[in-house]
N, C-alpha and C. Protein backbone atom coordinates (compact mmCIF):
# COMPACT_ATOMS: atom_id res chain seq x y z
N MET A 1 0.85 -1.17 0.00
CA MET A 1 0.00 0.00 0.00
C MET A 1 0.89 1.23 0.00
N ASN A 2 0.51 2.20 -0.82
CA ASN A 2 1.20 3.47 -0.87
C ASN A 2 0.61 4.40 0.18
N VAL A 3 1.48 5.09 0.92
CA VAL A 3 1.01 6.12 1.84
C VAL A 3 1.70 7.41 1.45
N ALA A 4 0.92 8.39 1.10
CA ALA A 4 1.47 9.67 0.67
C ALA A 4 1.02 10.75 1.62
N THR A 5 1.92 11.65 1.94
CA THR A 5 1.52 12.80 2.72
C THR A 5 1.08 13.87 1.75
N HIS A 6 0.56 14.96 2.28
CA HIS A 6 0.06 16.04 1.44
C HIS A 6 1.20 16.65 0.63
N ASP A 7 1.08 16.59 -0.63
CA ASP A 7 1.94 17.33 -1.55
C ASP A 7 1.11 17.53 -2.81
N ASP A 8 1.64 18.31 -3.72
CA ASP A 8 0.87 18.62 -4.92
C ASP A 8 0.49 17.37 -5.69
N ARG A 9 1.38 16.39 -5.76
CA ARG A 9 1.09 15.16 -6.52
C ARG A 9 -0.02 14.35 -5.85
N ALA A 10 -0.01 14.27 -4.51
CA ALA A 10 -1.04 13.53 -3.80
C ALA A 10 -2.41 14.16 -4.00
N VAL A 11 -2.47 15.49 -3.92
CA VAL A 11 -3.73 16.20 -4.14
C VAL A 11 -4.19 15.99 -5.58
N GLU A 12 -3.27 16.07 -6.51
CA GLU A 12 -3.60 15.85 -7.92
C GLU A 12 -4.12 14.42 -8.14
N ARG A 13 -3.46 13.45 -7.51
CA ARG A 13 -3.86 12.04 -7.66
C ARG A 13 -5.28 11.82 -7.13
N LEU A 14 -5.57 12.37 -5.96
CA LEU A 14 -6.91 12.23 -5.40
C LEU A 14 -7.94 12.89 -6.31
N GLY A 15 -7.61 14.05 -6.84
CA GLY A 15 -8.50 14.72 -7.78
C GLY A 15 -8.77 13.88 -9.01
N GLU A 16 -7.73 13.23 -9.54
CA GLU A 16 -7.89 12.35 -10.70
C GLU A 16 -8.81 11.18 -10.39
N LEU A 17 -8.67 10.61 -9.21
CA LEU A 17 -9.44 9.43 -8.84
C LEU A 17 -10.94 9.71 -8.74
N ILE A 18 -11.30 10.89 -8.24
CA ILE A 18 -12.72 11.18 -8.04
C ILE A 18 -13.32 12.07 -9.12
N ASN A 19 -12.51 12.60 -10.00
CA ASN A 19 -12.97 13.57 -10.99
C ASN A 19 -14.18 13.14 -11.80
N ASP A 20 -14.19 11.92 -12.29
CA ASP A 20 -15.26 11.45 -13.17
C ASP A 20 -16.41 10.77 -12.44
N ILE A 21 -16.36 10.74 -11.11
CA ILE A 21 -17.42 10.11 -10.33
C ILE A 21 -18.29 11.23 -9.77
N GLN A 22 -19.46 11.40 -10.34
CA GLN A 22 -20.29 12.55 -10.00
C GLN A 22 -20.95 12.43 -8.63
N ILE A 23 -21.37 11.23 -8.25
CA ILE A 23 -22.12 11.05 -7.02
C ILE A 23 -21.26 10.39 -5.95
N ALA A 24 -21.29 10.98 -4.76
CA ALA A 24 -20.62 10.41 -3.60
C ALA A 24 -21.68 10.05 -2.58
N MET A 25 -21.41 9.05 -1.78
CA MET A 25 -22.28 8.75 -0.64
C MET A 25 -21.68 9.50 0.55
N LEU A 26 -22.43 10.46 1.07
CA LEU A 26 -22.01 11.25 2.22
C LEU A 26 -22.54 10.58 3.48
N THR A 27 -21.63 10.24 4.40
CA THR A 27 -22.02 9.62 5.66
C THR A 27 -21.78 10.60 6.79
N THR A 28 -22.83 10.81 7.58
CA THR A 28 -22.77 11.69 8.75
C THR A 28 -23.08 10.85 9.98
N ILE A 29 -22.81 11.44 11.14
CA ILE A 29 -23.18 10.82 12.41
C ILE A 29 -24.53 11.41 12.81
N GLY A 30 -25.52 10.55 12.92
CA GLY A 30 -26.87 11.00 13.22
C GLY A 30 -27.01 11.51 14.64
N LEU A 31 -28.11 12.19 14.89
CA LEU A 31 -28.38 12.72 16.22
C LEU A 31 -28.52 11.60 17.24
N ASP A 32 -28.85 10.39 16.76
CA ASP A 32 -28.96 9.23 17.64
C ASP A 32 -27.64 8.45 17.73
N GLY A 33 -26.58 8.95 17.08
CA GLY A 33 -25.27 8.29 17.09
C GLY A 33 -25.08 7.28 15.98
N ALA A 34 -26.14 6.97 15.24
CA ALA A 34 -26.04 6.02 14.13
C ALA A 34 -25.46 6.73 12.91
N LEU A 35 -24.89 5.95 12.01
CA LEU A 35 -24.36 6.50 10.77
C LEU A 35 -25.48 6.61 9.75
N HIS A 36 -25.50 7.74 9.02
CA HIS A 36 -26.51 7.97 7.98
C HIS A 36 -25.79 8.33 6.68
N SER A 37 -26.16 7.66 5.60
CA SER A 37 -25.56 7.93 4.29
C SER A 37 -26.62 8.33 3.30
N ARG A 38 -26.21 9.22 2.39
CA ARG A 38 -27.10 9.63 1.31
C ARG A 38 -26.27 10.09 0.12
N PRO A 39 -26.82 9.93 -1.11
CA PRO A 39 -26.07 10.36 -2.30
C PRO A 39 -26.06 11.88 -2.41
N MET A 40 -24.91 12.40 -2.82
CA MET A 40 -24.73 13.84 -3.01
C MET A 40 -23.94 14.04 -4.31
N ALA A 41 -24.30 15.07 -5.06
CA ALA A 41 -23.60 15.40 -6.30
C ALA A 41 -22.40 16.29 -5.98
N THR A 42 -21.21 15.79 -6.26
CA THR A 42 -19.99 16.57 -6.05
C THR A 42 -19.91 17.65 -7.12
N GLN A 43 -19.66 18.87 -6.72
CA GLN A 43 -19.54 19.97 -7.66
C GLN A 43 -18.22 19.89 -8.40
N LYS A 44 -18.25 20.17 -9.67
CA LYS A 44 -17.07 20.07 -10.52
C LYS A 44 -16.18 21.31 -10.35
N THR A 45 -15.14 21.15 -9.58
CA THR A 45 -14.12 22.18 -9.42
C THR A 45 -12.77 21.48 -9.42
N LYS A 46 -11.73 22.22 -9.66
CA LYS A 46 -10.38 21.65 -9.56
C LYS A 46 -10.15 21.30 -8.09
N PHE A 47 -9.82 20.04 -7.82
CA PHE A 47 -9.67 19.60 -6.44
C PHE A 47 -8.42 20.23 -5.82
N ASP A 48 -8.62 20.89 -4.68
CA ASP A 48 -7.51 21.54 -3.97
C ASP A 48 -7.49 21.14 -2.50
N GLY A 49 -8.20 20.05 -2.17
CA GLY A 49 -8.30 19.62 -0.78
C GLY A 49 -9.68 19.84 -0.21
N GLU A 50 -10.56 20.46 -1.00
CA GLU A 50 -11.93 20.70 -0.57
C GLU A 50 -12.91 20.17 -1.61
N LEU A 51 -14.03 19.63 -1.12
CA LEU A 51 -15.10 19.14 -1.99
C LEU A 51 -16.35 19.94 -1.66
N TRP A 52 -17.13 20.27 -2.69
CA TRP A 52 -18.28 21.16 -2.55
C TRP A 52 -19.57 20.48 -2.95
N PHE A 53 -20.65 20.81 -2.22
CA PHE A 53 -21.98 20.27 -2.48
C PHE A 53 -23.01 21.35 -2.19
N PHE A 54 -24.15 21.27 -2.88
CA PHE A 54 -25.31 22.07 -2.51
C PHE A 54 -26.17 21.20 -1.60
N THR A 55 -26.83 21.83 -0.64
CA THR A 55 -27.74 21.10 0.23
C THR A 55 -28.88 22.01 0.65
N LYS A 56 -29.92 21.41 1.19
CA LYS A 56 -31.05 22.17 1.72
C LYS A 56 -30.78 22.47 3.19
N GLY A 57 -30.95 23.73 3.57
CA GLY A 57 -30.76 24.11 4.96
C GLY A 57 -31.72 23.42 5.90
N SER A 58 -32.86 22.97 5.39
CA SER A 58 -33.86 22.31 6.21
C SER A 58 -33.66 20.79 6.31
N SER A 59 -32.59 20.27 5.72
CA SER A 59 -32.39 18.82 5.70
C SER A 59 -31.86 18.30 7.04
N LEU A 60 -32.11 17.03 7.30
CA LEU A 60 -31.64 16.39 8.52
C LEU A 60 -30.12 16.43 8.61
N LYS A 61 -29.44 16.32 7.47
CA LYS A 61 -27.97 16.31 7.51
C LYS A 61 -27.42 17.60 8.08
N VAL A 62 -28.11 18.72 7.87
CA VAL A 62 -27.67 20.00 8.43
C VAL A 62 -27.75 19.95 9.96
N ASP A 63 -28.81 19.36 10.49
CA ASP A 63 -28.92 19.19 11.94
C ASP A 63 -27.80 18.28 12.45
N GLU A 64 -27.57 17.20 11.73
CA GLU A 64 -26.52 16.24 12.13
C GLU A 64 -25.15 16.91 12.13
N LEU A 65 -24.88 17.71 11.11
CA LEU A 65 -23.58 18.38 11.01
C LEU A 65 -23.42 19.46 12.08
N GLY A 66 -24.54 19.95 12.61
CA GLY A 66 -24.47 20.88 13.73
C GLY A 66 -23.93 20.23 14.98
N GLU A 67 -24.09 18.92 15.08
CA GLU A 67 -23.61 18.15 16.24
C GLU A 67 -22.24 17.51 16.00
N HIS A 68 -22.05 16.98 14.79
CA HIS A 68 -20.83 16.24 14.45
C HIS A 68 -20.40 16.65 13.05
N ARG A 69 -19.29 17.34 12.93
CA ARG A 69 -18.84 17.83 11.63
C ARG A 69 -18.03 16.80 10.84
N ARG A 70 -17.58 15.74 11.50
CA ARG A 70 -16.76 14.73 10.81
C ARG A 70 -17.64 13.91 9.88
N VAL A 71 -17.19 13.76 8.62
CA VAL A 71 -17.96 13.02 7.61
C VAL A 71 -17.05 12.09 6.82
N ASN A 72 -17.69 11.20 6.09
CA ASN A 72 -17.00 10.34 5.14
C ASN A 72 -17.73 10.44 3.81
N LEU A 73 -16.97 10.44 2.74
CA LEU A 73 -17.52 10.42 1.38
C LEU A 73 -16.97 9.17 0.70
N SER A 74 -17.87 8.40 0.10
CA SER A 74 -17.46 7.19 -0.63
C SER A 74 -17.77 7.38 -2.10
N TYR A 75 -16.76 7.16 -2.92
CA TYR A 75 -16.89 7.25 -4.37
C TYR A 75 -16.65 5.86 -4.96
N ALA A 76 -17.48 5.46 -5.91
CA ALA A 76 -17.32 4.15 -6.54
C ALA A 76 -17.52 4.25 -8.04
N ASP A 77 -16.60 3.65 -8.78
CA ASP A 77 -16.69 3.55 -10.23
C ASP A 77 -16.38 2.10 -10.59
N PRO A 78 -17.38 1.20 -10.43
CA PRO A 78 -17.13 -0.23 -10.68
C PRO A 78 -16.66 -0.53 -12.10
N LYS A 79 -17.13 0.24 -13.07
CA LYS A 79 -16.74 0.00 -14.47
C LYS A 79 -15.23 0.09 -14.64
N HIS A 80 -14.59 1.01 -13.91
CA HIS A 80 -13.14 1.19 -14.01
C HIS A 80 -12.41 0.66 -12.79
N GLN A 81 -13.12 -0.08 -11.93
CA GLN A 81 -12.53 -0.68 -10.74
C GLN A 81 -11.79 0.36 -9.88
N ARG A 82 -12.48 1.47 -9.63
CA ARG A 82 -11.88 2.56 -8.85
C ARG A 82 -12.81 2.89 -7.69
N TYR A 83 -12.23 2.92 -6.47
CA TYR A 83 -13.01 3.17 -5.26
C TYR A 83 -12.20 4.10 -4.36
N VAL A 84 -12.89 5.09 -3.78
CA VAL A 84 -12.20 6.07 -2.95
C VAL A 84 -13.05 6.36 -1.72
N SER A 85 -12.41 6.37 -0.56
CA SER A 85 -13.06 6.74 0.70
C SER A 85 -12.34 7.97 1.23
N VAL A 86 -13.10 9.03 1.45
CA VAL A 86 -12.54 10.32 1.87
C VAL A 86 -13.13 10.69 3.22
N SER A 87 -12.30 11.11 4.16
CA SER A 87 -12.84 11.60 5.43
C SER A 87 -12.35 13.02 5.67
N GLY A 88 -13.20 13.78 6.35
CA GLY A 88 -12.83 15.16 6.61
C GLY A 88 -13.86 15.86 7.47
N MET A 89 -13.75 17.18 7.51
CA MET A 89 -14.63 18.02 8.32
C MET A 89 -15.55 18.81 7.40
N ALA A 90 -16.83 18.80 7.74
CA ALA A 90 -17.83 19.51 6.93
C ALA A 90 -18.10 20.88 7.52
N SER A 91 -18.37 21.84 6.65
CA SER A 91 -18.79 23.19 7.03
C SER A 91 -19.99 23.56 6.19
N LEU A 92 -20.93 24.27 6.80
CA LEU A 92 -22.13 24.74 6.11
C LEU A 92 -22.13 26.25 6.10
N PHE A 93 -22.49 26.85 4.97
CA PHE A 93 -22.56 28.31 4.92
C PHE A 93 -23.25 28.75 3.65
N ARG A 94 -23.47 30.04 3.59
CA ARG A 94 -24.02 30.68 2.40
C ARG A 94 -22.98 31.65 1.87
N ASP A 95 -22.72 31.58 0.59
CA ASP A 95 -21.74 32.46 -0.05
C ASP A 95 -22.21 32.64 -1.49
N ARG A 96 -22.83 33.75 -1.77
CA ARG A 96 -23.45 33.98 -3.08
C ARG A 96 -22.45 33.83 -4.23
N ALA A 97 -21.24 34.35 -4.06
CA ALA A 97 -20.24 34.26 -5.14
C ALA A 97 -19.90 32.80 -5.43
N LYS A 98 -19.71 32.00 -4.39
CA LYS A 98 -19.37 30.58 -4.58
C LYS A 98 -20.56 29.83 -5.16
N GLU A 99 -21.76 30.17 -4.71
CA GLU A 99 -22.97 29.54 -5.24
C GLU A 99 -23.10 29.81 -6.73
N GLU A 100 -22.85 31.05 -7.15
CA GLU A 100 -22.91 31.39 -8.57
C GLU A 100 -21.86 30.64 -9.37
N GLU A 101 -20.67 30.50 -8.79
CA GLU A 101 -19.59 29.77 -9.46
C GLU A 101 -19.96 28.30 -9.70
N LEU A 102 -20.63 27.68 -8.75
CA LEU A 102 -20.94 26.25 -8.81
C LEU A 102 -22.30 25.92 -9.42
N TRP A 103 -23.16 26.91 -9.57
CA TRP A 103 -24.55 26.66 -9.96
C TRP A 103 -24.69 26.05 -11.34
N ASN A 104 -25.65 25.15 -11.45
CA ASN A 104 -26.04 24.54 -12.71
C ASN A 104 -27.57 24.66 -12.78
N PRO A 105 -28.14 25.12 -13.89
CA PRO A 105 -29.60 25.28 -13.98
C PRO A 105 -30.39 24.00 -13.66
N LEU A 106 -29.78 22.84 -13.80
CA LEU A 106 -30.47 21.59 -13.47
C LEU A 106 -30.84 21.51 -11.99
N TYR A 107 -30.14 22.28 -11.15
CA TYR A 107 -30.39 22.24 -9.71
C TYR A 107 -31.74 22.85 -9.33
N LYS A 108 -32.38 23.52 -10.31
CA LYS A 108 -33.70 24.09 -10.02
C LYS A 108 -34.71 23.00 -9.67
N ALA A 109 -34.43 21.77 -10.04
CA ALA A 109 -35.31 20.66 -9.66
C ALA A 109 -35.37 20.51 -8.14
N TRP A 110 -34.28 20.84 -7.46
CA TRP A 110 -34.21 20.73 -6.00
C TRP A 110 -34.40 22.09 -5.32
N PHE A 111 -34.02 23.14 -6.04
CA PHE A 111 -34.11 24.50 -5.50
C PHE A 111 -34.89 25.35 -6.50
N PRO A 112 -36.24 25.32 -6.42
CA PRO A 112 -37.09 25.96 -7.42
C PRO A 112 -36.82 27.45 -7.62
N ASP A 113 -36.37 28.14 -6.59
CA ASP A 113 -36.09 29.57 -6.73
C ASP A 113 -34.64 29.83 -7.15
N GLY A 114 -33.96 28.78 -7.60
CA GLY A 114 -32.57 28.93 -8.06
C GLY A 114 -31.67 29.47 -6.96
N LEU A 115 -30.79 30.34 -7.34
CA LEU A 115 -29.83 30.91 -6.38
C LEU A 115 -30.51 31.77 -5.31
N ASP A 116 -31.76 32.13 -5.54
CA ASP A 116 -32.50 32.92 -4.55
C ASP A 116 -33.31 32.04 -3.60
N ASP A 117 -33.19 30.73 -3.75
CA ASP A 117 -33.93 29.82 -2.88
C ASP A 117 -33.45 29.99 -1.44
N PRO A 118 -34.34 30.29 -0.51
CA PRO A 118 -33.93 30.52 0.87
C PRO A 118 -33.40 29.26 1.57
N ASP A 119 -33.67 28.08 1.00
CA ASP A 119 -33.22 26.83 1.61
C ASP A 119 -31.85 26.38 1.08
N LEU A 120 -31.30 27.10 0.11
CA LEU A 120 -30.03 26.74 -0.52
C LEU A 120 -28.86 27.03 0.40
N MET A 121 -28.01 26.04 0.60
CA MET A 121 -26.78 26.20 1.38
C MET A 121 -25.65 25.46 0.68
N LEU A 122 -24.43 25.84 1.00
CA LEU A 122 -23.24 25.13 0.54
C LEU A 122 -22.72 24.24 1.66
N LEU A 123 -22.28 23.07 1.28
CA LEU A 123 -21.62 22.15 2.19
C LEU A 123 -20.22 21.95 1.64
N ARG A 124 -19.22 22.28 2.43
CA ARG A 124 -17.82 22.10 2.02
C ARG A 124 -17.20 21.04 2.92
N VAL A 125 -16.53 20.07 2.31
CA VAL A 125 -15.79 19.07 3.07
C VAL A 125 -14.30 19.33 2.86
N THR A 126 -13.63 19.62 3.96
CA THR A 126 -12.18 19.80 3.93
C THR A 126 -11.57 18.42 4.19
N VAL A 127 -10.91 17.88 3.19
CA VAL A 127 -10.40 16.51 3.25
C VAL A 127 -9.22 16.43 4.21
N GLU A 128 -9.27 15.43 5.09
CA GLU A 128 -8.17 15.16 6.01
C GLU A 128 -7.35 13.96 5.55
N GLU A 129 -8.04 12.94 5.05
CA GLU A 129 -7.34 11.77 4.52
C GLU A 129 -8.23 11.02 3.56
N ALA A 130 -7.61 10.20 2.76
CA ALA A 130 -8.34 9.40 1.78
C ALA A 130 -7.65 8.06 1.61
N GLU A 131 -8.42 7.08 1.26
CA GLU A 131 -7.89 5.77 0.93
C GLU A 131 -8.50 5.38 -0.40
N TYR A 132 -7.71 4.75 -1.27
CA TYR A 132 -8.22 4.42 -2.59
C TYR A 132 -7.74 3.07 -3.07
N TRP A 133 -8.53 2.53 -3.98
CA TRP A 133 -8.23 1.28 -4.65
C TRP A 133 -8.46 1.54 -6.13
N ASP A 134 -7.45 1.32 -6.93
CA ASP A 134 -7.53 1.62 -8.36
C ASP A 134 -6.92 0.44 -9.11
N ALA A 135 -7.78 -0.37 -9.71
CA ALA A 135 -7.32 -1.57 -10.42
C ALA A 135 -7.55 -1.40 -11.91
N PRO A 136 -6.77 -2.10 -12.72
CA PRO A 136 -7.04 -2.05 -14.15
C PRO A 136 -8.43 -2.58 -14.43
N SER A 137 -9.17 -1.90 -15.28
CA SER A 137 -10.54 -2.32 -15.57
C SER A 137 -10.58 -3.44 -16.61
N ASN A 138 -9.46 -3.71 -17.24
CA ASN A 138 -9.38 -4.75 -18.26
C ASN A 138 -9.44 -6.12 -17.58
N SER A 139 -10.45 -6.93 -17.90
CA SER A 139 -10.60 -8.23 -17.25
C SER A 139 -9.44 -9.17 -17.57
N MET A 140 -8.79 -9.02 -18.73
CA MET A 140 -7.63 -9.85 -19.04
C MET A 140 -6.50 -9.57 -18.06
N MET A 141 -6.34 -8.32 -17.66
CA MET A 141 -5.30 -7.98 -16.68
C MET A 141 -5.61 -8.63 -15.34
N HIS A 142 -6.89 -8.71 -14.95
CA HIS A 142 -7.27 -9.37 -13.71
C HIS A 142 -6.94 -10.86 -13.79
N ILE A 143 -7.23 -11.48 -14.92
CA ILE A 143 -6.95 -12.91 -15.08
C ILE A 143 -5.46 -13.17 -15.01
N VAL A 144 -4.66 -12.37 -15.70
CA VAL A 144 -3.20 -12.54 -15.69
C VAL A 144 -2.67 -12.39 -14.27
N GLY A 145 -3.13 -11.37 -13.53
CA GLY A 145 -2.69 -11.16 -12.16
C GLY A 145 -3.09 -12.30 -11.25
N PHE A 146 -4.30 -12.83 -11.43
CA PHE A 146 -4.79 -13.93 -10.61
C PHE A 146 -3.97 -15.19 -10.88
N VAL A 147 -3.74 -15.51 -12.16
CA VAL A 147 -2.95 -16.70 -12.52
C VAL A 147 -1.52 -16.55 -12.00
N LYS A 148 -0.94 -15.38 -12.12
CA LYS A 148 0.42 -15.14 -11.62
C LYS A 148 0.49 -15.41 -10.11
N ALA A 149 -0.53 -14.98 -9.37
CA ALA A 149 -0.56 -15.22 -7.94
C ALA A 149 -0.64 -16.71 -7.63
N LEU A 150 -1.45 -17.43 -8.40
CA LEU A 150 -1.57 -18.88 -8.19
C LEU A 150 -0.24 -19.59 -8.48
N VAL A 151 0.43 -19.20 -9.55
CA VAL A 151 1.68 -19.86 -9.96
C VAL A 151 2.82 -19.54 -9.00
N THR A 152 2.92 -18.29 -8.58
CA THR A 152 4.05 -17.88 -7.73
C THR A 152 3.78 -18.11 -6.25
N GLY A 153 2.52 -18.30 -5.88
CA GLY A 153 2.18 -18.47 -4.46
C GLY A 153 2.13 -17.15 -3.71
N LYS A 154 2.25 -16.05 -4.43
CA LYS A 154 2.17 -14.73 -3.79
C LYS A 154 0.74 -14.23 -3.84
N GLU A 155 0.42 -13.34 -2.90
CA GLU A 155 -0.94 -12.81 -2.82
C GLU A 155 -1.30 -12.03 -4.07
N TYR A 156 -2.55 -12.22 -4.51
CA TYR A 156 -3.07 -11.50 -5.67
C TYR A 156 -3.21 -10.02 -5.33
N GLU A 157 -2.61 -9.19 -6.16
CA GLU A 157 -2.70 -7.74 -6.00
C GLU A 157 -3.39 -7.17 -7.23
N PRO A 158 -4.69 -6.87 -7.09
CA PRO A 158 -5.46 -6.47 -8.26
C PRO A 158 -5.20 -5.06 -8.76
N GLY A 159 -4.46 -4.26 -8.04
CA GLY A 159 -4.23 -2.89 -8.49
C GLY A 159 -3.58 -2.06 -7.41
N GLU A 160 -3.61 -0.77 -7.62
CA GLU A 160 -2.99 0.17 -6.70
C GLU A 160 -3.91 0.45 -5.52
N HIS A 161 -3.33 0.45 -4.32
CA HIS A 161 -4.07 0.79 -3.11
C HIS A 161 -3.19 1.77 -2.33
N GLY A 162 -3.78 2.85 -1.88
CA GLY A 162 -2.98 3.83 -1.19
C GLY A 162 -3.78 4.70 -0.25
N GLU A 163 -3.06 5.46 0.55
CA GLU A 163 -3.65 6.43 1.47
C GLU A 163 -3.02 7.79 1.22
N ILE A 164 -3.82 8.81 1.40
CA ILE A 164 -3.33 10.18 1.28
C ILE A 164 -3.71 10.90 2.57
N LYS A 165 -2.74 11.46 3.24
CA LYS A 165 -2.99 12.22 4.46
C LYS A 165 -2.80 13.69 4.16
N MET A 166 -3.78 14.48 4.52
CA MET A 166 -3.73 15.93 4.29
C MET A 166 -3.43 16.62 5.62
N PRO A 167 -2.68 17.71 5.61
CA PRO A 167 -2.44 18.42 6.86
C PRO A 167 -3.67 19.20 7.28
N PRO A 168 -3.82 19.46 8.58
CA PRO A 168 -4.97 20.27 9.01
C PRO A 168 -4.92 21.65 8.39
N ARG A 169 -6.08 22.20 8.09
CA ARG A 169 -6.14 23.55 7.51
C ARG A 169 -6.45 24.55 8.59
C-alpha cells in the first residue's frame, strides 16, 4: 500500500481518482449516534483539498452536522474498478459568489427559486485523509494477475491501493 503525505502530486492524484465520479455517498453521524448515508452530487471544481456540495438548509444532515462535523464520502466507479473513501470536516454556509460559481440550472429541480432559494446552502468538506483502490478495468489484466498469484504463491494484488494524508487547515 502506498502512503502519501500532502503534496501537490497527492492532491492531484486524489482529484484524478474522483474527478469522473459525480455522485458520492455522504455519511454523517446521526443525532442518535447512528451513521446515515445519502447520495450527493460533487460539484465540478479543480480539487484543492476541498469538496463542494449544494444542500437544503432544512435537511436532517444539516442538523446532524451541527452536532458532528466529521464526515465520510465514498466514491465508486465499478466499471473502471476505482473506489475512494474520503474523510474530513464539513462546514455549512451561504456564499453567493461561490454559489454562482458552482450553480447549474439543473439544480432548479431541488431548488425551485434557483440561487434565490432561501433553503439553498453550501456544504464544504475539507479533506483530512483518503484511501483508494484503483485496479485495471481490463478483465484480461485481472486474469493474468490472478494466474500469476496462483503460480508464484504470492498474494493477488489487483491494483494500486494507497492512502493520502492531508495536513490540518
